């Protein structure tokens, strides 16, 4: 199966808050990011299932990159890594 990604990924470690009413807030860190989404490593054992719509805030050292959370879709999960696509 060939590569399906349309956007080039860049390695980046950015702290993220993934929010959903049924699971609360999960803290993680991006492994890579692109114009289409991000791969996020999380420490939580509660990972939203594939297809879940979540709100995500990207955090830098001094405040948030985005004040309002962005809507993203969970595209895959593998152990403690989830793939998120911008909605």
PDB file of N, CA and C in Angstrom:
ATOM      1  N   UNK A   1       0.841  -1.170   0.000  1.00  0.00           N
ATOM      2  CA  UNK A   1       0.000   0.000   0.000  1.00  0.00           C
ATOM      3  C   UNK A   1       0.888   1.235   0.000  1.00  0.00           C
ATOM      4  N   UNK A   2       0.642   2.176  -0.881  1.00  0.00           N
ATOM      5  CA  UNK A   2       1.464   3.366  -1.018  1.00  0.00           C
ATOM      6  C   UNK A   2       1.162   4.411   0.036  1.00  0.00           C
ATOM      7  N   UNK A   3       1.994   5.399   0.081  1.00  0.00           N
ATOM      8  CA  UNK A   3       1.840   6.520   1.012  1.00  0.00           C
ATOM      9  C   UNK A   3       0.587   7.308   0.647  1.00  0.00           C
ATOM     10  N   UNK A   4      -0.297   7.560   1.625  1.00  0.00           N
ATOM     11  CA  UNK A   4      -1.544   8.279   1.361  1.00  0.00           C
ATOM     12  C   UNK A   4      -1.485   9.742   1.783  1.00  0.00           C
ATOM     13  N   UNK A   5      -0.455  10.132   2.479  1.00  0.00           N
ATOM     14  CA  UNK A   5      -0.396  11.506   2.982  1.00  0.00           C
ATOM     15  C   UNK A   5      -0.213  12.500   1.845  1.00  0.00           C
ATOM     16  N   UNK A   6      -0.934  13.617   1.940  1.00  0.00           N
ATOM     17  CA  UNK A   6      -0.834  14.668   0.924  1.00  0.00           C
ATOM     18  C   UNK A   6       0.119  15.775   1.351  1.00  0.00           C
ATOM     19  N   UNK A   7       0.453  15.829   2.626  1.00  0.00           N
ATOM     20  CA  UNK A   7       1.262  16.921   3.155  1.00  0.00           C
ATOM     21  C   UNK A   7       2.564  16.381   3.741  1.00  0.00           C
ATOM     22  N   UNK A   8       3.628  17.129   3.553  1.00  0.00           N
ATOM     23  CA  UNK A   8       4.930  16.741   4.101  1.00  0.00           C
ATOM     24  C   UNK A   8       4.908  16.881   5.619  1.00  0.00           C
ATOM     25  N   UNK A   9       5.411  15.861   6.295  1.00  0.00           N
ATOM     26  CA  UNK A   9       5.476  15.892   7.754  1.00  0.00           C
ATOM     27  C   UNK A   9       6.817  16.463   8.206  1.00  0.00           C
ATOM     28  N   UNK A  10       6.783  17.213   9.293  1.00  0.00           N
ATOM     29  CA  UNK A  10       7.990  17.772   9.899  1.00  0.00           C
ATOM     30  C   UNK A  10       8.079  17.282  11.337  1.00  0.00           C
ATOM     31  N   UNK A  11       9.241  16.790  11.717  1.00  0.00           N
ATOM     32  CA  UNK A  11       9.444  16.380  13.108  1.00  0.00           C
ATOM     33  C   UNK A  11       9.299  17.604  14.002  1.00  0.00           C
ATOM     34  N   UNK A  12       8.508  17.479  15.045  1.00  0.00           N
ATOM     35  CA  UNK A  12       8.292  18.594  15.963  1.00  0.00           C
ATOM     36  C   UNK A  12       7.792  18.050  17.291  1.00  0.00           C
ATOM     37  N   UNK A  13       8.287  18.613  18.364  1.00  0.00           N
ATOM     38  CA  UNK A  13       7.822  18.238  19.689  1.00  0.00           C
ATOM     39  C   UNK A  13       7.086  19.430  20.285  1.00  0.00           C
ATOM     40  N   UNK A  14       5.766  19.383  20.201  1.00  0.00           N
ATOM     41  CA  UNK A  14       4.908  20.454  20.698  1.00  0.00           C
ATOM     42  C   UNK A  14       3.934  19.823  21.692  1.00  0.00           C
ATOM     43  N   UNK A  15       3.810  20.415  22.860  1.00  0.00           N
ATOM     44  CA  UNK A  15       2.867  19.905  23.859  1.00  0.00           C
ATOM     45  C   UNK A  15       1.444  20.137  23.367  1.00  0.00           C
ATOM     46  N   UNK A  16       0.573  19.157  23.560  1.00  0.00           N
ATOM     47  CA  UNK A  16      -0.815  19.293  23.135  1.00  0.00           C
ATOM     48  C   UNK A  16      -1.756  18.878  24.258  1.00  0.00           C
ATOM     49  N   UNK A  17      -2.938  19.479  24.239  1.00  0.00           N
ATOM     50  CA  UNK A  17      -4.039  19.078  25.111  1.00  0.00           C
ATOM     51  C   UNK A  17      -5.143  18.572  24.190  1.00  0.00           C
ATOM     52  N   UNK A  18      -5.521  17.320  24.351  1.00  0.00           N
ATOM     53  CA  UNK A  18      -6.584  16.710  23.556  1.00  0.00           C
ATOM     54  C   UNK A  18      -7.801  16.601  24.466  1.00  0.00           C
ATOM     55  N   UNK A  19      -8.913  17.217  24.055  1.00  0.00           N
ATOM     56  CA  UNK A  19     -10.088  17.292  24.921  1.00  0.00           C
ATOM     57  C   UNK A  19     -11.303  16.632  24.274  1.00  0.00           C
ATOM     58  N   UNK A  20     -12.045  15.888  25.100  1.00  0.00           N
ATOM     59  CA  UNK A  20     -13.288  15.260  24.663  1.00  0.00           C
ATOM     60  C   UNK A  20     -14.159  15.075  25.905  1.00  0.00           C
ATOM     61  N   UNK A  21     -15.474  15.340  25.801  1.00  0.00           N
ATOM     62  CA  UNK A  21     -16.334  15.252  26.988  1.00  0.00           C
ATOM     63  C   UNK A  21     -16.292  13.898  27.702  1.00  0.00           C
ATOM     64  N   UNK A  22     -16.164  12.808  26.965  1.00  0.00           N
ATOM     65  CA  UNK A  22     -16.227  11.496  27.610  1.00  0.00           C
ATOM     66  C   UNK A  22     -14.900  11.039  28.215  1.00  0.00           C
ATOM     67  N   UNK A  23     -13.784  11.657  27.816  1.00  0.00           N
ATOM     68  CA  UNK A  23     -12.482  11.221  28.341  1.00  0.00           C
ATOM     69  C   UNK A  23     -11.735  12.321  29.080  1.00  0.00           C
ATOM     70  N   UNK A  24     -12.254  13.536  29.052  1.00  0.00           N
ATOM     71  CA  UNK A  24     -11.570  14.641  29.707  1.00  0.00           C
ATOM     72  C   UNK A  24     -10.435  15.171  28.846  1.00  0.00           C
ATOM     73  N   UNK A  25      -9.347  15.569  29.488  1.00  0.00           N
ATOM     74  CA  UNK A  25      -8.196  16.138  28.784  1.00  0.00           C
ATOM     75  C   UNK A  25      -7.017  15.180  28.860  1.00  0.00           C
ATOM     76  N   UNK A  26      -6.426  14.917  27.702  1.00  0.00           N
ATOM     77  CA  UNK A  26      -5.237  14.076  27.602  1.00  0.00           C
ATOM     78  C   UNK A  26      -4.077  14.986  27.224  1.00  0.00           C
ATOM     79  N   UNK A  27      -2.958  14.851  27.910  1.00  0.00           N
ATOM     80  CA  UNK A  27      -1.765  15.625  27.593  1.00  0.00           C
ATOM     81  C   UNK A  27      -0.832  14.752  26.768  1.00  0.00           C
ATOM     82  N   UNK A  28      -0.269  15.330  25.729  1.00  0.00           N
ATOM     83  CA  UNK A  28       0.659  14.588  24.885  1.00  0.00           C
ATOM     84  C   UNK A  28       1.673  15.513  24.251  1.00  0.00           C
ATOM     85  N   UNK A  29       2.434  14.957  23.332  1.00  0.00           N
ATOM     86  CA  UNK A  29       3.461  15.714  22.621  1.00  0.00           C
ATOM     87  C   UNK A  29       3.515  15.220  21.181  1.00  0.00           C
ATOM     88  N   UNK A  30       3.565  16.165  20.245  1.00  0.00           N
ATOM     89  CA  UNK A  30       3.628  15.761  18.841  1.00  0.00           C
ATOM     90  C   UNK A  30       4.960  15.087  18.552  1.00  0.00           C
ATOM     91  N   UNK A  31       4.919  14.114  17.649  1.00  0.00           N
ATOM     92  CA  UNK A  31       6.136  13.512  17.113  1.00  0.00           C
ATOM     93  C   UNK A  31       6.452  14.170  15.779  1.00  0.00           C
ATOM     94  N   UNK A  32       5.391  14.441  15.036  1.00  0.00           N
ATOM     95  CA  UNK A  32       5.520  15.186  13.786  1.00  0.00           C
ATOM     96  C   UNK A  32       4.197  15.885  13.513  1.00  0.00           C
ATOM     97  N   UNK A  33       4.260  16.873  12.605  1.00  0.00           N
ATOM     98  CA  UNK A  33       3.078  17.668  12.287  1.00  0.00           C
ATOM     99  C   UNK A  33       3.144  18.067  10.823  1.00  0.00           C
ATOM    100  N   UNK A  34       1.968  18.251  10.223  1.00  0.00           N
ATOM    101  CA  UNK A  34       1.891  18.692   8.832  1.00  0.00           C
ATOM    102  C   UNK A  34       0.664  19.585   8.685  1.00  0.00           C
ATOM    103  N   UNK A  35       0.425  20.065   7.477  1.00  0.00           N
ATOM    104  CA  UNK A  35      -0.774  20.862   7.224  1.00  0.00           C
ATOM    105  C   UNK A  35      -2.040  20.016   7.350  1.00  0.00           C
ATOM    106  N   UNK A  36      -1.901  18.695   7.330  1.00  0.00           N
ATOM    107  CA  UNK A  36      -3.059  17.814   7.407  1.00  0.00           C
ATOM    108  C   UNK A  36      -3.353  17.266   8.786  1.00  0.00           C
ATOM    109  N   UNK A  37      -2.341  17.243   9.666  1.00  0.00           N
ATOM    110  CA  UNK A  37      -2.569  16.678  10.982  1.00  0.00           C
ATOM    111  C   UNK A  37      -1.293  16.494  11.763  1.00  0.00           C
ATOM    112  N   UNK A  38      -1.349  15.607  12.758  1.00  0.00           N
ATOM    113  CA  UNK A  38      -0.197  15.401  13.636  1.00  0.00           C
ATOM    114  C   UNK A  38      -0.216  13.993  14.208  1.00  0.00           C
ATOM    115  N   UNK A  39       0.961  13.498  14.507  1.00  0.00           N
ATOM    116  CA  UNK A  39       1.123  12.256  15.247  1.00  0.00           C
ATOM    117  C   UNK A  39       1.476  12.658  16.672  1.00  0.00           C
ATOM    118  N   UNK A  40       0.697  12.168  17.638  1.00  0.00           N
ATOM    119  CA  UNK A  40       0.848  12.609  19.022  1.00  0.00           C
ATOM    120  C   UNK A  40       1.089  11.407  19.931  1.00  0.00           C
ATOM    121  N   UNK A  41       2.122  11.518  20.753  1.00  0.00           N
ATOM    122  CA  UNK A  41       2.405  10.486  21.748  1.00  0.00           C
ATOM    123  C   UNK A  41       1.780  10.933  23.064  1.00  0.00           C
ATOM    124  N   UNK A  42       1.008  10.040  23.684  1.00  0.00           N
ATOM    125  CA  UNK A  42       0.317  10.369  24.930  1.00  0.00           C
ATOM    126  C   UNK A  42       0.731   9.390  26.022  1.00  0.00           C
ATOM    127  N   UNK A  43       0.620   9.830  27.267  1.00  0.00           N
ATOM    128  CA  UNK A  43       0.940   8.980  28.408  1.00  0.00           C
ATOM    129  C   UNK A  43      -0.303   8.306  28.971  1.00  0.00           C
ATOM    130  N   UNK A  44      -1.465   8.748  28.534  1.00  0.00           N
ATOM    131  CA  UNK A  44      -2.729   8.266  29.074  1.00  0.00           C
ATOM    132  C   UNK A  44      -3.066   6.867  28.565  1.00  0.00           C
ATOM    133  N   UNK A  45      -3.746   6.111  29.402  1.00  0.00           N
ATOM    134  CA  UNK A  45      -4.238   4.803  28.980  1.00  0.00           C
ATOM    135  C   UNK A  45      -5.613   4.929  28.335  1.00  0.00           C
ATOM    136  N   UNK A  46      -6.266   6.062  28.535  1.00  0.00           N
ATOM    137  CA  UNK A  46      -7.568   6.305  27.931  1.00  0.00           C
ATOM    138  C   UNK A  46      -7.352   7.062  26.634  1.00  0.00           C
ATOM    139  N   UNK A  47      -7.404   6.334  25.528  1.00  0.00           N
ATOM    140  CA  UNK A  47      -7.182   6.936  24.215  1.00  0.00           C
ATOM    141  C   UNK A  47      -8.496   6.889  23.456  1.00  0.00           C
ATOM    142  N   UNK A  48      -8.909   8.007  22.868  1.00  0.00           N
ATOM    143  CA  UNK A  48     -10.175   7.999  22.134  1.00  0.00           C
ATOM    144  C   UNK A  48     -10.108   7.067  20.925  1.00  0.00           C
ATOM    145  N   UNK A  49     -11.204   6.365  20.635  1.00  0.00           N
ATOM    146  CA  UNK A  49     -11.199   5.436  19.505  1.00  0.00           C
ATOM    147  C   UNK A  49     -11.110   6.148  18.158  1.00  0.00           C
ATOM    148  N   UNK A  50     -10.674   5.400  17.155  1.00  0.00           N
ATOM    149  CA  UNK A  50     -10.608   5.920  15.785  1.00  0.00           C
ATOM    150  C   UNK A  50     -11.993   6.430  15.401  1.00  0.00           C
ATOM    151  N   UNK A  51     -12.029   7.592  14.752  1.00  0.00           N
ATOM    152  CA  UNK A  51     -13.284   8.209  14.337  1.00  0.00           C
ATOM    153  C   UNK A  51     -13.800   9.262  15.299  1.00  0.00           C
ATOM    154  N   UNK A  52     -13.217   9.330  16.502  1.00  0.00           N
ATOM    155  CA  UNK A  52     -13.650  10.309  17.494  1.00  0.00           C
ATOM    156  C   UNK A  52     -13.231  11.710  17.074  1.00  0.00           C
ATOM    157  N   UNK A  53     -14.135  12.664  17.242  1.00  0.00           N
ATOM    158  CA  UNK A  53     -13.823  14.072  16.993  1.00  0.00           C
ATOM    159  C   UNK A  53     -13.387  14.677  18.326  1.00  0.00           C
ATOM    160  N   UNK A  54     -12.212  15.294  18.334  1.00  0.00           N
ATOM    161  CA  UNK A  54     -11.661  15.872  19.555  1.00  0.00           C
ATOM    162  C   UNK A  54     -11.295  17.332  19.320  1.00  0.00           C
ATOM    163  N   UNK A  55     -11.139  18.064  20.407  1.00  0.00           N
ATOM    164  CA  UNK A  55     -10.649  19.437  20.357  1.00  0.00           C
ATOM    165  C   UNK A  55      -9.213  19.431  20.851  1.00  0.00           C
ATOM    166  N   UNK A  56      -8.344  20.131  20.133  1.00  0.00           N
ATOM    167  CA  UNK A  56      -6.913  20.090  20.437  1.00  0.00           C
ATOM    168  C   UNK A  56      -6.360  21.504  20.563  1.00  0.00           C
ATOM    169  N   UNK A  57      -5.569  21.694  21.612  1.00  0.00           N
ATOM    170  CA  UNK A  57      -4.857  22.963  21.783  1.00  0.00           C
ATOM    171  C   UNK A  57      -3.364  22.652  21.781  1.00  0.00           C
ATOM    172  N   UNK A  58      -2.618  23.380  20.949  1.00  0.00           N
ATOM    173  CA  UNK A  58      -1.166  23.238  20.867  1.00  0.00           C
ATOM    174  C   UNK A  58      -0.552  24.268  21.806  1.00  0.00           C
ATOM    175  N   UNK A  59       0.357  23.828  22.676  1.00  0.00           N
ATOM    176  CA  UNK A  59       0.918  24.674  23.728  1.00  0.00           C
ATOM    177  C   UNK A  59       2.411  24.876  23.493  1.00  0.00           C
ATOM    178  N   UNK A  60       2.860  26.131  23.575  1.00  0.00           N
ATOM    179  CA  UNK A  60       4.301  26.397  23.536  1.00  0.00           C
ATOM    180  C   UNK A  60       4.756  26.738  24.950  1.00  0.00           C
ATOM    181  N   UNK A  61       6.021  27.005  25.127  1.00  0.00           N
ATOM    182  CA  UNK A  61       6.562  27.249  26.463  1.00  0.00           C
ATOM    183  C   UNK A  61       5.848  28.404  27.156  1.00  0.00           C
ATOM    184  N   UNK A  62       5.549  29.459  26.430  1.00  0.00           N
ATOM    185  CA  UNK A  62       4.901  30.629  27.023  1.00  0.00           C
ATOM    186  C   UNK A  62       3.509  30.791  26.419  1.00  0.00           C
ATOM    187  N   UNK A  63       2.567  29.969  26.849  1.00  0.00           N
ATOM    188  CA  UNK A  63       1.194  30.105  26.396  1.00  0.00           C
ATOM    189  C   UNK A  63       0.843  29.177  25.246  1.00  0.00           C
ATOM    190  N   UNK A  64      -0.382  29.341  24.791  1.00  0.00           N
ATOM    191  CA  UNK A  64      -0.899  28.468  23.735  1.00  0.00           C
ATOM    192  C   UNK A  64      -0.584  29.024  22.358  1.00  0.00           C
ATOM    193  N   UNK A  65      -0.355  28.126  21.412  1.00  0.00           N
ATOM    194  CA  UNK A  65      -0.199  28.531  20.017  1.00  0.00           C
ATOM    195  C   UNK A  65      -1.562  28.938  19.485  1.00  0.00           C
ATOM    196  N   UNK A  66      -2.583  28.188  19.843  1.00  0.00           N
ATOM    197  CA  UNK A  66      -3.952  28.527  19.463  1.00  0.00           C
ATOM    198  C   UNK A  66      -4.793  28.647  20.733  1.00  0.00           C
ATOM    199  N   UNK A  67      -5.377  29.817  20.957  1.00  0.00           N
ATOM    200  CA  UNK A  67      -6.194  30.041  22.147  1.00  0.00           C
ATOM    201  C   UNK A  67      -7.450  29.178  22.118  1.00  0.00           C
ATOM    202  N   UNK A  68      -8.110  29.132  20.957  1.00  0.00           N
ATOM    203  CA  UNK A  68      -9.296  28.303  20.799  1.00  0.00           C
ATOM    204  C   UNK A  68      -8.872  26.934  20.286  1.00  0.00           C
ATOM    205  N   UNK A  69      -9.356  25.869  20.895  1.00  0.00           N
ATOM    206  CA  UNK A  69      -8.994  24.535  20.405  1.00  0.00           C
ATOM    207  C   UNK A  69      -9.444  24.331  18.963  1.00  0.00           C
ATOM    208  N   UNK A  70      -8.677  23.549  18.215  1.00  0.00           N
ATOM    209  CA  UNK A  70      -9.053  23.205  16.842  1.00  0.00           C
ATOM    210  C   UNK A  70      -9.688  21.820  16.852  1.00  0.00           C
ATOM    211  N   UNK A  71     -10.615  21.622  15.938  1.00  0.00           N
ATOM    212  CA  UNK A  71     -11.284  20.331  15.816  1.00  0.00           C
ATOM    213  C   UNK A  71     -10.409  19.392  14.993  1.00  0.00           C
ATOM    214  N   UNK A  72     -10.226  18.183  15.507  1.00  0.00           N
ATOM    215  CA  UNK A  72      -9.431  17.172  14.815  1.00  0.00           C
ATOM    216  C   UNK A  72     -10.129  15.825  14.943  1.00  0.00           C
ATOM    217  N   UNK A  73      -9.820  14.921  14.022  1.00  0.00           N
ATOM    218  CA  UNK A  73     -10.377  13.573  14.028  1.00  0.00           C
ATOM    219  C   UNK A  73      -9.276  12.568  14.344  1.00  0.00           C
ATOM    220  N   UNK A  74      -9.595  11.589  15.178  1.00  0.00           N
ATOM    221  CA  UNK A  74      -8.650  10.509  15.463  1.00  0.00           C
ATOM    222  C   UNK A  74      -8.672   9.556  14.269  1.00  0.00           C
ATOM    223  N   UNK A  75      -7.528   9.417  13.603  1.00  0.00           N
ATOM    224  CA  UNK A  75      -7.435   8.593  12.400  1.00  0.00           C
ATOM    225  C   UNK A  75      -6.836   7.220  12.677  1.00  0.00           C
ATOM    226  N   UNK A  76      -5.946   7.141  13.661  1.00  0.00           N
ATOM    227  CA  UNK A  76      -5.380   5.844  14.038  1.00  0.00           C
ATOM    228  C   UNK A  76      -4.881   5.910  15.466  1.00  0.00           C
ATOM    229  N   UNK A  77      -4.723   4.755  16.054  1.00  0.00           N
ATOM    230  CA  UNK A  77      -4.112   4.646  17.374  1.00  0.00           C
ATOM    231  C   UNK A  77      -3.253   3.393  17.383  1.00  0.00           C
ATOM    232  N   UNK A  78      -2.077   3.547  17.927  1.00  0.00           N
ATOM    233  CA  UNK A  78      -1.137   2.436  18.004  1.00  0.00           C
ATOM    234  C   UNK A  78      -0.373   2.580  19.312  1.00  0.00           C
ATOM    235  N   UNK A  79      -0.649   1.705  20.244  1.00  0.00           N
ATOM    236  CA  UNK A  79      -0.099   1.777  21.598  1.00  0.00           C
ATOM    237  C   UNK A  79      -0.406   3.136  22.202  1.00  0.00           C
ATOM    238  N   UNK A  80       0.617   3.948  22.449  1.00  0.00           N
ATOM    239  CA  UNK A  80       0.376   5.266  23.055  1.00  0.00           C
ATOM    240  C   UNK A  80       0.548   6.397  22.043  1.00  0.00           C
ATOM    241  N   UNK A  81       0.372   6.103  20.765  1.00  0.00           N
ATOM    242  CA  UNK A  81       0.466   7.124  19.718  1.00  0.00           C
ATOM    243  C   UNK A  81      -0.859   7.198  18.972  1.00  0.00           C
ATOM    244  N   UNK A  82      -1.334   8.426  18.764  1.00  0.00           N
ATOM    245  CA  UNK A  82      -2.555   8.599  17.983  1.00  0.00           C
ATOM    246  C   UNK A  82      -2.283   9.543  16.823  1.00  0.00           C
ATOM    247  N   UNK A  83      -2.939   9.281  15.729  1.00  0.00           N
ATOM    248  CA  UNK A  83      -2.851  10.131  14.547  1.00  0.00           C
ATOM    249  C   UNK A  83      -4.073  11.015  14.485  1.00  0.00           C
ATOM    250  N   UNK A  84      -3.856  12.305  14.397  1.00  0.00           N
ATOM    251  CA  UNK A  84      -4.948  13.273  14.352  1.00  0.00           C
ATOM    252  C   UNK A  84      -4.938  14.002  13.017  1.00  0.00           C
ATOM    253  N   UNK A  85      -6.133  14.194  12.441  1.00  0.00           N
ATOM    254  CA  UNK A  85      -6.266  14.936  11.192  1.00  0.00           C
ATOM    255  C   UNK A  85      -7.120  16.169  11.459  1.00  0.00           C
ATOM    256  N   UNK A  86      -6.662  17.321  10.959  1.00  0.00           N
ATOM    257  CA  UNK A  86      -7.452  18.541  11.102  1.00  0.00           C
ATOM    258  C   UNK A  86      -8.804  18.344  10.426  1.00  0.00           C
ATOM    259  N   UNK A  87      -9.876  18.741  11.118  1.00  0.00           N
ATOM    260  CA  UNK A  87     -11.237  18.564  10.582  1.00  0.00           C
ATOM    261  C   UNK A  87     -11.628  19.747   9.714  1.00  0.00           C
TER     262      UNK A  87
END
